[in-house]
PDB file of all heavy atoms in Angstrom:
ATOM      1  N   PRO A   1     278.981 -85.553 -29.023  1.00  0.00           N
ATOM      2  CA  PRO A   1     279.562 -86.668 -28.268  1.00  0.00           C
ATOM      3  C   PRO A   1     278.889 -88.008 -28.558  1.00  0.00           C
ATOM      4  O   PRO A   1     279.538 -89.051 -28.535  1.00  0.00           O
ATOM      5  CB  PRO A   1     279.347 -86.249 -26.798  1.00  0.00           C
ATOM      6  CG  PRO A   1     279.238 -84.758 -26.846  1.00  0.00           C
ATOM      7  CD  PRO A   1     278.534 -84.463 -28.128  1.00  0.00           C
ATOM      8  N   ILE A   2     277.579 -87.977 -28.829  1.00  0.00           N
ATOM      9  CA  ILE A   2     276.856 -89.221 -29.129  1.00  0.00           C
ATOM     10  C   ILE A   2     277.374 -89.837 -30.422  1.00  0.00           C
ATOM     11  O   ILE A   2     277.687 -91.033 -30.486  1.00  0.00           O
ATOM     12  CB  ILE A   2     275.344 -88.956 -29.233  1.00  0.00           C
ATOM     13  CG1 ILE A   2     274.786 -88.496 -27.887  1.00  0.00           C
ATOM     14  CG2 ILE A   2     274.617 -90.220 -29.697  1.00  0.00           C
ATOM     15  CD1 ILE A   2     273.325 -88.088 -27.933  1.00  0.00           C
ATOM     16  N   ILE A   3     277.481 -89.010 -31.449  1.00  0.00           N
ATOM     17  CA  ILE A   3     277.969 -89.508 -32.745  1.00  0.00           C
ATOM     18  C   ILE A   3     279.416 -89.968 -32.631  1.00  0.00           C
ATOM     19  O   ILE A   3     279.818 -90.968 -33.249  1.00  0.00           O
ATOM     20  CB  ILE A   3     277.824 -88.419 -33.821  1.00  0.00           C
ATOM     21  CG1 ILE A   3     276.341 -88.086 -34.026  1.00  0.00           C
ATOM     22  CG2 ILE A   3     278.443 -88.875 -35.138  1.00  0.00           C
ATOM     23  CD1 ILE A   3     276.097 -86.956 -34.999  1.00  0.00           C
ATOM     24  N   SER A   4     280.204 -89.259 -31.822  1.00  0.00           N
ATOM     25  CA  SER A   4     281.607 -89.640 -31.623  1.00  0.00           C
ATOM     26  C   SER A   4     281.715 -91.045 -31.047  1.00  0.00           C
ATOM     27  O   SER A   4     282.610 -91.822 -31.415  1.00  0.00           O
ATOM     28  CB  SER A   4     282.303 -88.642 -30.704  1.00  0.00           C
ATOM     29  OG  SER A   4     282.456 -87.388 -31.326  1.00  0.00           O
ATOM     30  N   LEU A   5     280.804 -91.388 -30.129  1.00  0.00           N
ATOM     31  CA  LEU A   5     280.813 -92.726 -29.537  1.00  0.00           C
ATOM     32  C   LEU A   5     280.582 -93.797 -30.600  1.00  0.00           C
ATOM     33  O   LEU A   5     281.246 -94.829 -30.611  1.00  0.00           O
ATOM     34  CB  LEU A   5     279.743 -92.821 -28.452  1.00  0.00           C
ATOM     35  CG  LEU A   5     280.028 -92.098 -27.127  1.00  0.00           C
ATOM     36  CD1 LEU A   5     278.823 -92.177 -26.203  1.00  0.00           C
ATOM     37  CD2 LEU A   5     281.257 -92.697 -26.450  1.00  0.00           C
ATOM     38  N   TYR A   6     279.638 -93.535 -31.484  1.00  0.00           N
ATOM     39  CA  TYR A   6     279.336 -94.502 -32.543  1.00  0.00           C
ATOM     40  C   TYR A   6     280.492 -94.626 -33.523  1.00  0.00           C
ATOM     41  O   TYR A   6     280.856 -95.732 -33.933  1.00  0.00           O
ATOM     42  CB  TYR A   6     278.059 -94.093 -33.279  1.00  0.00           C
ATOM     43  CG  TYR A   6     276.799 -94.463 -32.536  1.00  0.00           C
ATOM     44  CD1 TYR A   6     276.309 -93.653 -31.515  1.00  0.00           C
ATOM     45  CD2 TYR A   6     276.099 -95.623 -32.836  1.00  0.00           C
ATOM     46  CE1 TYR A   6     275.151 -93.990 -30.824  1.00  0.00           C
ATOM     47  CE2 TYR A   6     274.939 -95.972 -32.158  1.00  0.00           C
ATOM     48  CZ  TYR A   6     274.477 -95.146 -31.144  1.00  0.00           C
ATOM     49  OH  TYR A   6     273.344 -95.490 -30.457  1.00  0.00           O
ATOM     50  N   LEU A   7     281.057 -93.494 -33.900  1.00  0.00           N
ATOM     51  CA  LEU A   7     282.184 -93.531 -34.828  1.00  0.00           C
ATOM     52  C   LEU A   7     283.390 -94.204 -34.198  1.00  0.00           C
ATOM     53  O   LEU A   7     284.112 -94.962 -34.851  1.00  0.00           O
ATOM     54  CB  LEU A   7     282.544 -92.109 -35.270  1.00  0.00           C
ATOM     55  CG  LEU A   7     281.475 -91.363 -36.079  1.00  0.00           C
ATOM     56  CD1 LEU A   7     281.966 -89.966 -36.436  1.00  0.00           C
ATOM     57  CD2 LEU A   7     281.104 -92.140 -37.337  1.00  0.00           C
ATOM     58  N   GLY A   8     283.599 -93.947 -32.905  1.00  0.00           N
ATOM     59  CA  GLY A   8     284.711 -94.561 -32.189  1.00  0.00           C
ATOM     60  C   GLY A   8     284.564 -96.060 -32.070  1.00  0.00           C
ATOM     61  O   GLY A   8     285.553 -96.789 -31.974  1.00  0.00           O
ATOM     62  N   ALA A   9     283.307 -96.535 -32.086  1.00  0.00           N
ATOM     63  CA  ALA A   9     283.042 -97.974 -32.003  1.00  0.00           C
ATOM     64  C   ALA A   9     283.020 -98.617 -33.389  1.00  0.00           C
ATOM     65  O   ALA A   9     282.666 -99.792 -33.516  1.00  0.00           O
ATOM     66  CB  ALA A   9     281.724 -98.223 -31.285  1.00  0.00           C
ATOM     67  N   GLY A  10     283.379 -97.849 -34.405  1.00  0.00           N
ATOM     68  CA  GLY A  10     283.378 -98.391 -35.763  1.00  0.00           C
ATOM     69  C   GLY A  10     281.993 -98.539 -36.356  1.00  0.00           C
ATOM     70  O   GLY A  10     281.778 -99.390 -37.231  1.00  0.00           O
ATOM     71  N   LEU A  11     281.048 -97.710 -35.888  1.00  0.00           N
ATOM     72  CA  LEU A  11     279.667 -97.816 -36.350  1.00  0.00           C
ATOM     73  C   LEU A  11     279.272 -96.621 -37.210  1.00  0.00           C
ATOM     74  O   LEU A  11     278.160 -96.098 -37.106  1.00  0.00           O
ATOM     75  CB  LEU A  11     278.723 -97.936 -35.148  1.00  0.00           C
ATOM     76  CG  LEU A  11     278.883 -99.201 -34.302  1.00  0.00           C
ATOM     77  CD1 LEU A  11     277.988 -99.150 -33.087  1.00  0.00           C
ATOM     78  CD2 LEU A  11     278.589-100.438 -35.141  1.00  0.00           C
ATOM     79  N   GLY A  12     280.195 -96.221 -38.060  1.00  0.00           N
ATOM     80  CA  GLY A  12     279.881 -95.126 -38.965  1.00  0.00           C
ATOM     81  C   GLY A  12     278.723 -95.450 -39.889  1.00  0.00           C
ATOM     82  O   GLY A  12     277.939 -94.572 -40.259  1.00  0.00           O
ATOM     83  N   ASP A  13     278.586 -96.718 -40.254  1.00  0.00           N
ATOM     84  CA  ASP A  13     277.481 -97.127 -41.120  1.00  0.00           C
ATOM     85  C   ASP A  13     276.139 -96.978 -40.408  1.00  0.00           C
ATOM     86  O   ASP A  13     275.120 -96.686 -41.046  1.00  0.00           O
ATOM     87  CB  ASP A  13     277.675 -98.568 -41.585  1.00  0.00           C
ATOM     88  CG  ASP A  13     277.830 -99.540 -40.421  1.00  0.00           C
ATOM     89  OD1 ASP A  13     278.320 -99.120 -39.349  1.00  0.00           O
ATOM     90  OD2 ASP A  13     277.473-100.724 -40.589  1.00  0.00           O
ATOM     91  N   VAL A  14     276.151 -97.162 -39.086  1.00  0.00           N
ATOM     92  CA  VAL A  14     274.927 -96.987 -38.309  1.00  0.00           C
ATOM     93  C   VAL A  14     274.500 -95.520 -38.321  1.00  0.00           C
ATOM     94  O   VAL A  14     273.313 -95.205 -38.479  1.00  0.00           O
ATOM     95  CB  VAL A  14     275.132 -97.481 -36.855  1.00  0.00           C
ATOM     96  CG1 VAL A  14     273.992 -97.012 -35.964  1.00  0.00           C
ATOM     97  CG2 VAL A  14     275.228 -98.997 -36.824  1.00  0.00           C
ATOM     98  N   VAL A  15     275.477 -94.627 -38.151  1.00  0.00           N
ATOM     99  CA  VAL A  15     275.180 -93.190 -38.183  1.00  0.00           C
ATOM    100  C   VAL A  15     274.619 -92.792 -39.547  1.00  0.00           C
ATOM    101  O   VAL A  15     273.626 -92.064 -39.635  1.00  0.00           O
ATOM    102  CB  VAL A  15     276.441 -92.364 -37.870  1.00  0.00           C
ATOM    103  CG1 VAL A  15     276.153 -90.865 -37.994  1.00  0.00           C
ATOM    104  CG2 VAL A  15     276.962 -92.675 -36.471  1.00  0.00           C
ATOM    105  N   ALA A  16     275.245 -93.286 -40.606  1.00  0.00           N
ATOM    106  CA  ALA A  16     274.782 -92.970 -41.960  1.00  0.00           C
ATOM    107  C   ALA A  16     273.378 -93.516 -42.201  1.00  0.00           C
ATOM    108  O   ALA A  16     272.530 -92.840 -42.804  1.00  0.00           O
ATOM    109  CB  ALA A  16     275.757 -93.542 -42.986  1.00  0.00           C
ATOM    110  N   LEU A  17     273.115 -94.722 -41.716  1.00  0.00           N
ATOM    111  CA  LEU A  17     271.799 -95.339 -41.900  1.00  0.00           C
ATOM    112  C   LEU A  17     270.740 -94.577 -41.110  1.00  0.00           C
ATOM    113  O   LEU A  17     269.608 -94.395 -41.590  1.00  0.00           O
ATOM    114  CB  LEU A  17     271.846 -96.801 -41.451  1.00  0.00           C
ATOM    115  CG  LEU A  17     270.590 -97.650 -41.737  1.00  0.00           C
ATOM    116  CD1 LEU A  17     270.267 -97.637 -43.232  1.00  0.00           C
ATOM    117  CD2 LEU A  17     270.806 -99.082 -41.262  1.00  0.00           C
ATOM    118  N   ALA A  18     271.093 -94.128 -39.902  1.00  0.00           N
ATOM    119  CA  ALA A  18     270.152 -93.357 -39.093  1.00  0.00           C
ATOM    120  C   ALA A  18     269.832 -92.024 -39.760  1.00  0.00           C
ATOM    121  O   ALA A  18     268.674 -91.570 -39.757  1.00  0.00           O
ATOM    122  CB  ALA A  18     270.729 -93.122 -37.695  1.00  0.00           C
ATOM    123  N   LEU A  19     270.840 -91.391 -40.339  1.00  0.00           N
ATOM    124  CA  LEU A  19     270.623 -90.129 -41.067  1.00  0.00           C
ATOM    125  C   LEU A  19     269.699 -90.345 -42.264  1.00  0.00           C
ATOM    126  O   LEU A  19     268.753 -89.586 -42.483  1.00  0.00           O
ATOM    127  CB  LEU A  19     271.960 -89.555 -41.538  1.00  0.00           C
ATOM    128  CG  LEU A  19     272.790 -88.792 -40.512  1.00  0.00           C
ATOM    129  CD1 LEU A  19     274.170 -88.470 -41.079  1.00  0.00           C
ATOM    130  CD2 LEU A  19     272.075 -87.503 -40.101  1.00  0.00           C
ATOM    131  N   ALA A  20     269.980 -91.399 -43.033  1.00  0.00           N
ATOM    132  CA  ALA A  20     269.170 -91.694 -44.203  1.00  0.00           C
ATOM    133  C   ALA A  20     267.735 -92.031 -43.805  1.00  0.00           C
ATOM    134  O   ALA A  20     266.772 -91.594 -44.447  1.00  0.00           O
ATOM    135  CB  ALA A  20     269.785 -92.849 -44.986  1.00  0.00           C
ATOM    136  N   GLY A  21     267.601 -92.814 -42.738  1.00  0.00           N
ATOM    137  CA  GLY A  21     266.269 -93.189 -42.264  1.00  0.00           C
ATOM    138  C   GLY A  21     265.478 -91.990 -41.787  1.00  0.00           C
ATOM    139  O   GLY A  21     264.279 -91.865 -42.069  1.00  0.00           O
ATOM    140  N   THR A  22     266.153 -91.081 -41.072  1.00  0.00           N
ATOM    141  CA  THR A  22     265.486 -89.880 -40.573  1.00  0.00           C
ATOM    142  C   THR A  22     265.015 -89.002 -41.726  1.00  0.00           C
ATOM    143  O   THR A  22     263.879 -88.522 -41.725  1.00  0.00           O
ATOM    144  CB  THR A  22     266.442 -89.061 -39.682  1.00  0.00           C
ATOM    145  OG1 THR A  22     266.885 -89.883 -38.590  1.00  0.00           O
ATOM    146  CG2 THR A  22     265.747 -87.830 -39.131  1.00  0.00           C
ATOM    147  N   ALA A  23     265.888 -88.806 -42.715  1.00  0.00           N
ATOM    148  CA  ALA A  23     265.521 -87.996 -43.881  1.00  0.00           C
ATOM    149  C   ALA A  23     264.354 -88.618 -44.632  1.00  0.00           C
ATOM    150  O   ALA A  23     263.420 -87.915 -45.059  1.00  0.00           O
ATOM    151  CB  ALA A  23     266.729 -87.837 -44.800  1.00  0.00           C
ATOM    152  N   THR A  24     264.382 -89.942 -44.787  1.00  0.00           N
ATOM    153  CA  THR A  24     263.310 -90.634 -45.509  1.00  0.00           C
ATOM    154  C   THR A  24     261.974 -90.479 -44.797  1.00  0.00           C
ATOM    155  O   THR A  24     260.949 -90.189 -45.432  1.00  0.00           O
ATOM    156  CB  THR A  24     263.648 -92.137 -45.645  1.00  0.00           C
ATOM    157  OG1 THR A  24     264.868 -92.283 -46.375  1.00  0.00           O
ATOM    158  CG2 THR A  24     262.533 -92.873 -46.367  1.00  0.00           C
ATOM    159  N   VAL A  25     261.982 -90.660 -43.483  1.00  0.00           N
ATOM    160  CA  VAL A  25     260.741 -90.533 -42.707  1.00  0.00           C
ATOM    161  C   VAL A  25     260.185 -89.119 -42.820  1.00  0.00           C
ATOM    162  O   VAL A  25     258.981 -88.922 -43.081  1.00  0.00           O
ATOM    163  CB  VAL A  25     260.996 -90.887 -41.226  1.00  0.00           C
ATOM    164  CG1 VAL A  25     259.784 -90.514 -40.376  1.00  0.00           C
ATOM    165  CG2 VAL A  25     261.297 -92.371 -41.079  1.00  0.00           C
ATOM    166  N   PHE A  26     261.046 -88.121 -42.645  1.00  0.00           N
ATOM    167  CA  PHE A  26     260.572 -86.738 -42.678  1.00  0.00           C
ATOM    168  C   PHE A  26     259.998 -86.359 -44.043  1.00  0.00           C
ATOM    169  O   PHE A  26     258.892 -85.824 -44.138  1.00  0.00           O
ATOM    170  CB  PHE A  26     261.704 -85.779 -42.313  1.00  0.00           C
ATOM    171  CG  PHE A  26     261.323 -84.331 -42.462  1.00  0.00           C
ATOM    172  CD1 PHE A  26     260.457 -83.732 -41.559  1.00  0.00           C
ATOM    173  CD2 PHE A  26     261.808 -83.573 -43.520  1.00  0.00           C
ATOM    174  CE1 PHE A  26     260.078 -82.405 -41.712  1.00  0.00           C
ATOM    175  CE2 PHE A  26     261.438 -82.249 -43.675  1.00  0.00           C
ATOM    176  CZ  PHE A  26     260.578 -81.659 -42.764  1.00  0.00           C
ATOM    177  N   PHE A  27     260.750 -86.644 -45.099  1.00  0.00           N
ATOM    178  CA  PHE A  27     260.290 -86.260 -46.430  1.00  0.00           C
ATOM    179  C   PHE A  27     259.040 -87.035 -46.848  1.00  0.00           C
ATOM    180  O   PHE A  27     258.140 -86.479 -47.497  1.00  0.00           O
ATOM    181  CB  PHE A  27     261.406 -86.455 -47.455  1.00  0.00           C
ATOM    182  CG  PHE A  27     262.478 -85.405 -47.381  1.00  0.00           C
ATOM    183  CD1 PHE A  27     263.787 -85.754 -47.073  1.00  0.00           C
ATOM    184  CD2 PHE A  27     262.180 -84.069 -47.591  1.00  0.00           C
ATOM    185  CE1 PHE A  27     264.773 -84.786 -46.989  1.00  0.00           C
ATOM    186  CE2 PHE A  27     263.156 -83.087 -47.514  1.00  0.00           C
ATOM    187  CZ  PHE A  27     264.457 -83.442 -47.217  1.00  0.00           C
ATOM    188  N   ALA A  28     258.970 -88.303 -46.474  1.00  0.00           N
ATOM    189  CA  ALA A  28     257.800 -89.110 -46.837  1.00  0.00           C
ATOM    190  C   ALA A  28     256.542 -88.596 -46.133  1.00  0.00           C
ATOM    191  O   ALA A  28     255.483 -88.451 -46.756  1.00  0.00           O
ATOM    192  CB  ALA A  28     258.051 -90.575 -46.479  1.00  0.00           C
TER     193      ALA A  28
END
């Protein structure tokens, strides 16, 4: 439901950036 709210608000780029940022932090 959280991601749905962001996508519904047209913030798909925010979700993608958060995913990329999370992966970068973890792997680094």
